[in-house]
Amino acid sequence: MKKIITILVLFVGFSMTTQAQNSMMKKETMMKKEIKTVSLEQTKGEFTQKSITLSAGTYVFQIANANVGHDVGFVLAPKGKTDASNHIKNAYVTEVVKNNTTGHSKEVTLVKGEYVYFCPLNPTPQYILLVE
C-alpha cells in the first residue's frame, strides 16, 4: 500500500509540475509581442511610399537608400509635433543609411493616432502614418 501511495504522490506531483510548466509557457508566448517590419524607400527628395496605414502594435522601420547620392535618415513624430523634442527616438535609424544600402530602426510601439515621417538629411516632405 505504501508503494501505491508513493507512486500516486509522485504522479500527482509530476502532473501538477507539467501543468504549471505548460501554463508558464502559454503566458510567455502571450507576452511575446509580435514585431512587424515596415519597409520604406527613399529616392532623391522623397519617400516612394506617400502614406502608410497600420494597426496599433510594435514595428521596426527598414529604410532603403535608393541611390539618393548621400546618407539618409528617418524621423517619426506625432502629427503637428515635429520638433526634435517630440521625435520618437526609437524610430531613428540605428545609423545613417549610406547610398544604396538599407538601415533599420529599433522597435517602436505605436498606438492609435496620426504621425508624420520624413528625412531631414534628404530632405523630404512630411508624409502621414495613420495608426488605426
N, C-alpha and C. Protein backbone atom coordinates (compact mmCIF):
# COMPACT_ATOMS: atom_id res chain seq x y z
N MET A 1 0.82 -1.19 0.00
CA MET A 1 0.00 0.00 0.00
C MET A 1 0.88 1.26 0.00
N LYS A 2 1.98 1.19 0.74
CA LYS A 2 2.88 2.33 0.83
C LYS A 2 3.47 2.68 -0.55
N LYS A 3 3.79 1.66 -1.35
CA LYS A 3 4.33 1.88 -2.69
C LYS A 3 3.30 2.55 -3.58
N ILE A 4 2.05 2.15 -3.47
CA ILE A 4 0.99 2.73 -4.30
C ILE A 4 0.81 4.21 -3.95
N ILE A 5 0.82 4.55 -2.68
CA ILE A 5 0.66 5.94 -2.26
C ILE A 5 1.85 6.77 -2.75
N THR A 6 3.05 6.23 -2.62
CA THR A 6 4.25 6.94 -3.08
C THR A 6 4.18 7.18 -4.57
N ILE A 7 3.80 6.18 -5.34
CA ILE A 7 3.69 6.32 -6.79
C ILE A 7 2.60 7.34 -7.13
N LEU A 8 1.48 7.31 -6.43
CA LEU A 8 0.39 8.25 -6.67
C LEU A 8 0.84 9.69 -6.37
N VAL A 9 1.56 9.87 -5.26
CA VAL A 9 2.07 11.20 -4.90
C VAL A 9 3.04 11.68 -5.96
N LEU A 10 3.95 10.82 -6.42
CA LEU A 10 4.89 11.21 -7.46
C LEU A 10 4.17 11.56 -8.75
N PHE A 11 3.15 10.76 -9.13
CA PHE A 11 2.40 11.01 -10.35
C PHE A 11 1.65 12.34 -10.26
N VAL A 12 0.96 12.60 -9.16
CA VAL A 12 0.22 13.85 -8.97
C VAL A 12 1.19 15.02 -8.98
N GLY A 13 2.32 14.89 -8.31
CA GLY A 13 3.33 15.95 -8.28
C GLY A 13 3.87 16.23 -9.66
N PHE A 14 4.17 15.18 -10.43
CA PHE A 14 4.66 15.35 -11.79
C PHE A 14 3.60 16.01 -12.67
N SER A 15 2.36 15.58 -12.52
CA SER A 15 1.27 16.12 -13.31
C SER A 15 1.09 17.61 -13.03
N MET A 16 1.15 18.00 -11.77
CA MET A 16 0.99 19.41 -11.42
C MET A 16 2.17 20.23 -11.95
N THR A 17 3.36 19.65 -11.87
CA THR A 17 4.54 20.34 -12.38
C THR A 17 4.41 20.54 -13.88
N THR A 18 3.95 19.53 -14.59
CA THR A 18 3.77 19.64 -16.04
C THR A 18 2.71 20.69 -16.36
N GLN A 19 1.63 20.71 -15.61
CA GLN A 19 0.58 21.71 -15.83
C GLN A 19 1.12 23.11 -15.56
N ALA A 20 1.89 23.26 -14.50
CA ALA A 20 2.47 24.56 -14.18
C ALA A 20 3.42 25.01 -15.29
N GLN A 21 4.23 24.08 -15.80
CA GLN A 21 5.16 24.41 -16.88
C GLN A 21 4.39 24.83 -18.14
N ASN A 22 3.35 24.08 -18.48
CA ASN A 22 2.54 24.42 -19.65
C ASN A 22 1.91 25.80 -19.49
N SER A 23 1.43 26.09 -18.31
CA SER A 23 0.81 27.38 -18.04
C SER A 23 1.83 28.51 -18.20
N MET A 24 3.03 28.29 -17.69
CA MET A 24 4.08 29.30 -17.81
C MET A 24 4.46 29.51 -19.27
N MET A 25 4.54 28.43 -20.03
CA MET A 25 4.89 28.54 -21.44
C MET A 25 3.83 29.32 -22.21
N LYS A 26 2.55 29.09 -21.90
CA LYS A 26 1.48 29.82 -22.55
C LYS A 26 1.57 31.30 -22.23
N LYS A 27 1.85 31.64 -20.96
CA LYS A 27 1.98 33.05 -20.57
C LYS A 27 3.15 33.70 -21.29
N GLU A 28 4.28 33.01 -21.39
CA GLU A 28 5.44 33.56 -22.08
C GLU A 28 5.13 33.82 -23.54
N THR A 29 4.41 32.90 -24.18
CA THR A 29 4.05 33.05 -25.58
C THR A 29 3.12 34.24 -25.76
N MET A 30 2.17 34.40 -24.85
CA MET A 30 1.24 35.52 -24.94
C MET A 30 1.95 36.84 -24.69
N MET A 31 2.98 36.83 -23.84
CA MET A 31 3.68 38.06 -23.51
C MET A 31 4.62 38.52 -24.62
N LYS A 32 5.08 37.59 -25.45
CA LYS A 32 5.95 37.96 -26.56
C LYS A 32 5.16 38.82 -27.53
N LYS A 33 5.69 39.98 -27.86
CA LYS A 33 4.99 40.85 -28.78
C LYS A 33 5.39 40.53 -30.21
N GLU A 34 4.42 40.64 -31.07
CA GLU A 34 4.70 40.43 -32.48
C GLU A 34 5.33 41.71 -33.02
N ILE A 35 6.46 41.58 -33.67
CA ILE A 35 7.17 42.73 -34.22
C ILE A 35 7.07 42.65 -35.74
N LYS A 36 6.50 43.69 -36.33
CA LYS A 36 6.34 43.74 -37.78
C LYS A 36 7.35 44.72 -38.36
N THR A 37 7.68 44.53 -39.62
CA THR A 37 8.62 45.40 -40.32
C THR A 37 7.87 46.26 -41.32
N VAL A 38 8.18 47.56 -41.32
CA VAL A 38 7.66 48.48 -42.31
C VAL A 38 8.84 48.88 -43.19
N SER A 39 8.78 48.53 -44.46
CA SER A 39 9.87 48.83 -45.40
C SER A 39 9.54 50.10 -46.17
N LEU A 40 10.46 51.06 -46.11
CA LEU A 40 10.31 52.33 -46.82
C LEU A 40 11.52 52.56 -47.69
N GLU A 41 11.31 53.25 -48.80
CA GLU A 41 12.39 53.53 -49.73
C GLU A 41 12.49 55.03 -49.96
N GLN A 42 13.70 55.55 -49.89
CA GLN A 42 13.93 56.96 -50.20
C GLN A 42 14.65 57.08 -51.53
N THR A 43 14.15 57.99 -52.35
CA THR A 43 14.84 58.40 -53.57
C THR A 43 15.19 59.88 -53.37
N LYS A 44 15.78 60.51 -54.36
CA LYS A 44 16.20 61.90 -54.20
C LYS A 44 14.99 62.79 -53.85
N GLY A 45 14.99 63.30 -52.61
CA GLY A 45 13.98 64.26 -52.18
C GLY A 45 12.63 63.72 -51.79
N GLU A 46 12.47 62.39 -51.76
CA GLU A 46 11.15 61.86 -51.38
C GLU A 46 11.20 60.40 -50.95
N PHE A 47 10.15 59.99 -50.25
CA PHE A 47 9.90 58.58 -49.99
C PHE A 47 9.00 58.08 -51.11
N THR A 48 9.17 56.85 -51.54
CA THR A 48 8.28 56.32 -52.57
C THR A 48 6.91 56.00 -52.00
N GLN A 49 6.83 55.72 -50.69
CA GLN A 49 5.54 55.49 -50.03
C GLN A 49 5.05 56.83 -49.49
N LYS A 50 3.93 57.32 -50.03
CA LYS A 50 3.44 58.66 -49.68
C LYS A 50 2.56 58.68 -48.44
N SER A 51 2.07 57.55 -48.01
CA SER A 51 1.30 57.45 -46.77
C SER A 51 1.26 55.98 -46.35
N ILE A 52 1.06 55.78 -45.07
CA ILE A 52 1.03 54.41 -44.52
C ILE A 52 -0.11 54.34 -43.52
N THR A 53 -0.83 53.22 -43.53
CA THR A 53 -1.84 52.94 -42.52
C THR A 53 -1.47 51.62 -41.86
N LEU A 54 -1.38 51.63 -40.53
CA LEU A 54 -1.01 50.46 -39.76
C LEU A 54 -2.01 50.23 -38.64
N SER A 55 -1.99 49.05 -38.08
CA SER A 55 -2.74 48.80 -36.86
C SER A 55 -1.79 49.04 -35.68
N ALA A 56 -2.36 49.32 -34.52
CA ALA A 56 -1.53 49.53 -33.33
C ALA A 56 -0.65 48.29 -33.13
N GLY A 57 0.58 48.50 -32.71
CA GLY A 57 1.48 47.38 -32.49
C GLY A 57 2.92 47.82 -32.47
N THR A 58 3.81 46.83 -32.53
CA THR A 58 5.24 47.09 -32.46
C THR A 58 5.87 46.85 -33.82
N TYR A 59 6.68 47.82 -34.23
CA TYR A 59 7.25 47.83 -35.58
C TYR A 59 8.74 48.14 -35.55
N VAL A 60 9.42 47.69 -36.61
CA VAL A 60 10.78 48.11 -36.93
C VAL A 60 10.67 48.73 -38.31
N PHE A 61 11.24 49.93 -38.47
CA PHE A 61 11.22 50.60 -39.76
C PHE A 61 12.52 50.30 -40.50
N GLN A 62 12.37 49.78 -41.71
CA GLN A 62 13.51 49.45 -42.56
C GLN A 62 13.55 50.51 -43.67
N ILE A 63 14.67 51.21 -43.76
CA ILE A 63 14.79 52.34 -44.68
C ILE A 63 15.84 52.03 -45.74
N ALA A 64 15.42 52.05 -47.00
CA ALA A 64 16.34 51.81 -48.11
C ALA A 64 16.73 53.15 -48.74
N ASN A 65 18.00 53.32 -48.97
CA ASN A 65 18.53 54.49 -49.66
C ASN A 65 18.72 54.08 -51.12
N ALA A 66 17.76 54.48 -51.97
CA ALA A 66 17.76 54.08 -53.37
C ALA A 66 18.48 55.13 -54.23
N ASN A 67 19.81 55.11 -54.15
CA ASN A 67 20.66 55.97 -54.96
C ASN A 67 20.39 57.46 -54.76
N VAL A 68 20.16 57.86 -53.50
CA VAL A 68 19.97 59.28 -53.19
C VAL A 68 21.25 60.06 -53.47
N GLY A 69 22.39 59.43 -53.29
CA GLY A 69 23.66 60.08 -53.54
C GLY A 69 24.37 60.53 -52.27
N HIS A 70 23.71 60.38 -51.14
CA HIS A 70 24.30 60.72 -49.83
C HIS A 70 23.52 59.98 -48.75
N ASP A 71 23.97 60.11 -47.51
CA ASP A 71 23.32 59.44 -46.38
C ASP A 71 21.89 59.93 -46.19
N VAL A 72 21.03 59.02 -45.70
CA VAL A 72 19.66 59.39 -45.35
C VAL A 72 19.36 58.91 -43.93
N GLY A 73 18.26 59.41 -43.39
CA GLY A 73 17.81 59.02 -42.06
C GLY A 73 16.32 58.82 -42.05
N PHE A 74 15.73 58.83 -40.87
CA PHE A 74 14.29 58.63 -40.74
C PHE A 74 13.83 59.25 -39.43
N VAL A 75 12.77 60.05 -39.52
CA VAL A 75 12.17 60.66 -38.33
C VAL A 75 10.70 60.32 -38.32
N LEU A 76 10.19 59.95 -37.15
CA LEU A 76 8.77 59.69 -36.94
C LEU A 76 8.36 60.53 -35.74
N ALA A 77 7.23 61.24 -35.87
CA ALA A 77 6.77 62.10 -34.79
C ALA A 77 5.24 62.19 -34.83
N PRO A 78 4.63 62.52 -33.71
CA PRO A 78 3.18 62.75 -33.73
C PRO A 78 2.86 63.92 -34.68
N LYS A 79 1.77 63.82 -35.41
CA LYS A 79 1.39 64.88 -36.34
C LYS A 79 1.25 66.20 -35.58
N GLY A 80 1.85 67.25 -36.13
CA GLY A 80 1.78 68.57 -35.52
C GLY A 80 2.82 68.82 -34.45
N LYS A 81 3.65 67.82 -34.15
CA LYS A 81 4.69 67.96 -33.12
C LYS A 81 6.01 67.45 -33.67
N THR A 82 6.53 68.14 -34.67
CA THR A 82 7.70 67.62 -35.37
C THR A 82 9.04 68.17 -34.88
N ASP A 83 9.02 69.01 -33.84
CA ASP A 83 10.31 69.48 -33.34
C ASP A 83 11.03 68.30 -32.68
N ALA A 84 12.33 68.39 -32.61
CA ALA A 84 13.17 67.27 -32.16
C ALA A 84 12.76 66.71 -30.80
N SER A 85 12.24 67.53 -29.92
CA SER A 85 11.86 67.03 -28.59
C SER A 85 10.70 66.04 -28.65
N ASN A 86 9.93 66.05 -29.74
CA ASN A 86 8.79 65.13 -29.88
C ASN A 86 9.08 63.94 -30.80
N HIS A 87 10.26 63.89 -31.38
CA HIS A 87 10.59 62.75 -32.24
C HIS A 87 10.52 61.46 -31.44
N ILE A 88 10.08 60.40 -32.08
CA ILE A 88 10.07 59.07 -31.45
C ILE A 88 11.47 58.51 -31.69
N LYS A 89 12.29 58.61 -30.67
CA LYS A 89 13.74 58.32 -30.81
C LYS A 89 14.02 56.89 -31.27
N ASN A 90 13.24 55.91 -30.83
CA ASN A 90 13.48 54.52 -31.26
C ASN A 90 13.22 54.33 -32.75
N ALA A 91 12.52 55.27 -33.37
CA ALA A 91 12.25 55.17 -34.80
C ALA A 91 13.42 55.65 -35.65
N TYR A 92 14.34 56.41 -35.04
CA TYR A 92 15.53 56.82 -35.78
C TYR A 92 16.25 55.55 -36.28
N VAL A 93 16.86 55.63 -37.45
CA VAL A 93 17.68 54.50 -37.90
C VAL A 93 18.87 54.38 -36.95
N THR A 94 19.32 53.16 -36.74
CA THR A 94 20.39 52.93 -35.77
C THR A 94 21.70 53.57 -36.21
N GLU A 95 21.86 53.81 -37.50
CA GLU A 95 22.96 54.60 -38.04
C GLU A 95 22.51 55.13 -39.39
N VAL A 96 23.12 56.24 -39.84
CA VAL A 96 22.69 56.80 -41.13
C VAL A 96 22.78 55.73 -42.21
N VAL A 97 21.87 55.84 -43.17
CA VAL A 97 21.80 54.85 -44.23
C VAL A 97 22.60 55.35 -45.43
N LYS A 98 23.68 54.66 -45.71
CA LYS A 98 24.57 55.03 -46.81
C LYS A 98 23.88 54.80 -48.16
N ASN A 99 24.42 55.44 -49.19
CA ASN A 99 23.88 55.32 -50.54
C ASN A 99 23.78 53.85 -50.96
N ASN A 100 22.62 53.47 -51.49
CA ASN A 100 22.34 52.12 -52.00
C ASN A 100 22.48 51.02 -50.94
N THR A 101 22.16 51.34 -49.70
CA THR A 101 22.10 50.34 -48.64
C THR A 101 20.77 50.48 -47.91
N THR A 102 20.56 49.61 -46.94
CA THR A 102 19.33 49.63 -46.15
C THR A 102 19.69 49.64 -44.67
N GLY A 103 18.97 50.44 -43.91
CA GLY A 103 19.15 50.50 -42.46
C GLY A 103 17.83 50.23 -41.77
N HIS A 104 17.85 50.26 -40.45
CA HIS A 104 16.63 49.98 -39.71
C HIS A 104 16.61 50.75 -38.39
N SER A 105 15.41 50.84 -37.83
CA SER A 105 15.22 51.47 -36.53
C SER A 105 15.26 50.40 -35.44
N LYS A 106 15.11 50.85 -34.21
CA LYS A 106 14.86 49.92 -33.11
C LYS A 106 13.37 49.60 -33.13
N GLU A 107 12.90 48.82 -32.17
CA GLU A 107 11.47 48.53 -32.06
C GLU A 107 10.72 49.77 -31.60
N VAL A 108 9.57 50.01 -32.23
CA VAL A 108 8.73 51.16 -31.91
C VAL A 108 7.31 50.65 -31.69
N THR A 109 6.73 50.95 -30.54
CA THR A 109 5.35 50.57 -30.27
C THR A 109 4.47 51.77 -30.56
N LEU A 110 3.55 51.60 -31.51
CA LEU A 110 2.68 52.68 -31.93
C LEU A 110 1.25 52.44 -31.44
N VAL A 111 0.64 53.51 -30.96
CA VAL A 111 -0.76 53.47 -30.54
C VAL A 111 -1.58 54.25 -31.55
N LYS A 112 -2.88 54.11 -31.46
CA LYS A 112 -3.80 54.77 -32.39
C LYS A 112 -3.50 56.27 -32.43
N GLY A 113 -3.45 56.81 -33.66
CA GLY A 113 -3.21 58.23 -33.83
C GLY A 113 -2.60 58.54 -35.18
N GLU A 114 -2.31 59.82 -35.39
CA GLU A 114 -1.67 60.26 -36.63
C GLU A 114 -0.24 60.67 -36.35
N TYR A 115 0.64 60.25 -37.22
CA TYR A 115 2.06 60.54 -37.11
C TYR A 115 2.52 61.09 -38.46
N VAL A 116 3.71 61.65 -38.47
CA VAL A 116 4.34 62.03 -39.74
C VAL A 116 5.73 61.40 -39.77
N TYR A 117 6.18 61.10 -40.97
CA TYR A 117 7.54 60.60 -41.14
C TYR A 117 8.21 61.41 -42.24
N PHE A 118 9.52 61.57 -42.09
CA PHE A 118 10.28 62.36 -43.05
C PHE A 118 11.77 62.11 -42.85
N CYS A 119 12.55 62.64 -43.78
CA CYS A 119 14.01 62.56 -43.66
C CYS A 119 14.57 63.98 -43.69
N PRO A 120 15.21 64.40 -42.63
CA PRO A 120 15.80 65.74 -42.63
C PRO A 120 17.12 65.81 -43.42
N LEU A 121 17.73 64.67 -43.71
CA LEU A 121 19.00 64.65 -44.43
C LEU A 121 18.80 64.66 -45.94
N ASN A 122 17.66 64.18 -46.41
CA ASN A 122 17.45 64.02 -47.85
C ASN A 122 17.14 65.35 -48.53
N PRO A 123 16.45 66.33 -48.06
CA PRO A 123 15.27 66.30 -47.19
C PRO A 123 14.01 65.95 -47.97
N THR A 124 13.02 65.44 -47.25
CA THR A 124 11.76 65.03 -47.88
C THR A 124 10.60 65.81 -47.29
N PRO A 125 9.44 65.78 -47.97
CA PRO A 125 8.24 66.32 -47.34
C PRO A 125 7.86 65.45 -46.13
N GLN A 126 6.90 65.88 -45.36
CA GLN A 126 6.36 65.08 -44.27
C GLN A 126 5.18 64.27 -44.81
N TYR A 127 5.21 62.98 -44.55
CA TYR A 127 4.16 62.07 -45.01
C TYR A 127 3.38 61.56 -43.81
N ILE A 128 2.12 61.17 -44.05
CA ILE A 128 1.23 60.73 -42.98
C ILE A 128 1.37 59.22 -42.73
N LEU A 129 1.49 58.88 -41.45
CA LEU A 129 1.41 57.49 -41.00
C LEU A 129 0.23 57.44 -40.03
N LEU A 130 -0.81 56.70 -40.41
CA LEU A 130 -2.03 56.60 -39.63
C LEU A 130 -2.05 55.25 -38.91
N VAL A 131 -2.26 55.28 -37.60
CA VAL A 131 -2.38 54.04 -36.83
C VAL A 131 -3.84 53.94 -36.39
N GLU A 132 -4.50 52.88 -36.83
CA GLU A 132 -5.92 52.69 -36.51
C GLU A 132 -6.10 51.76 -35.34
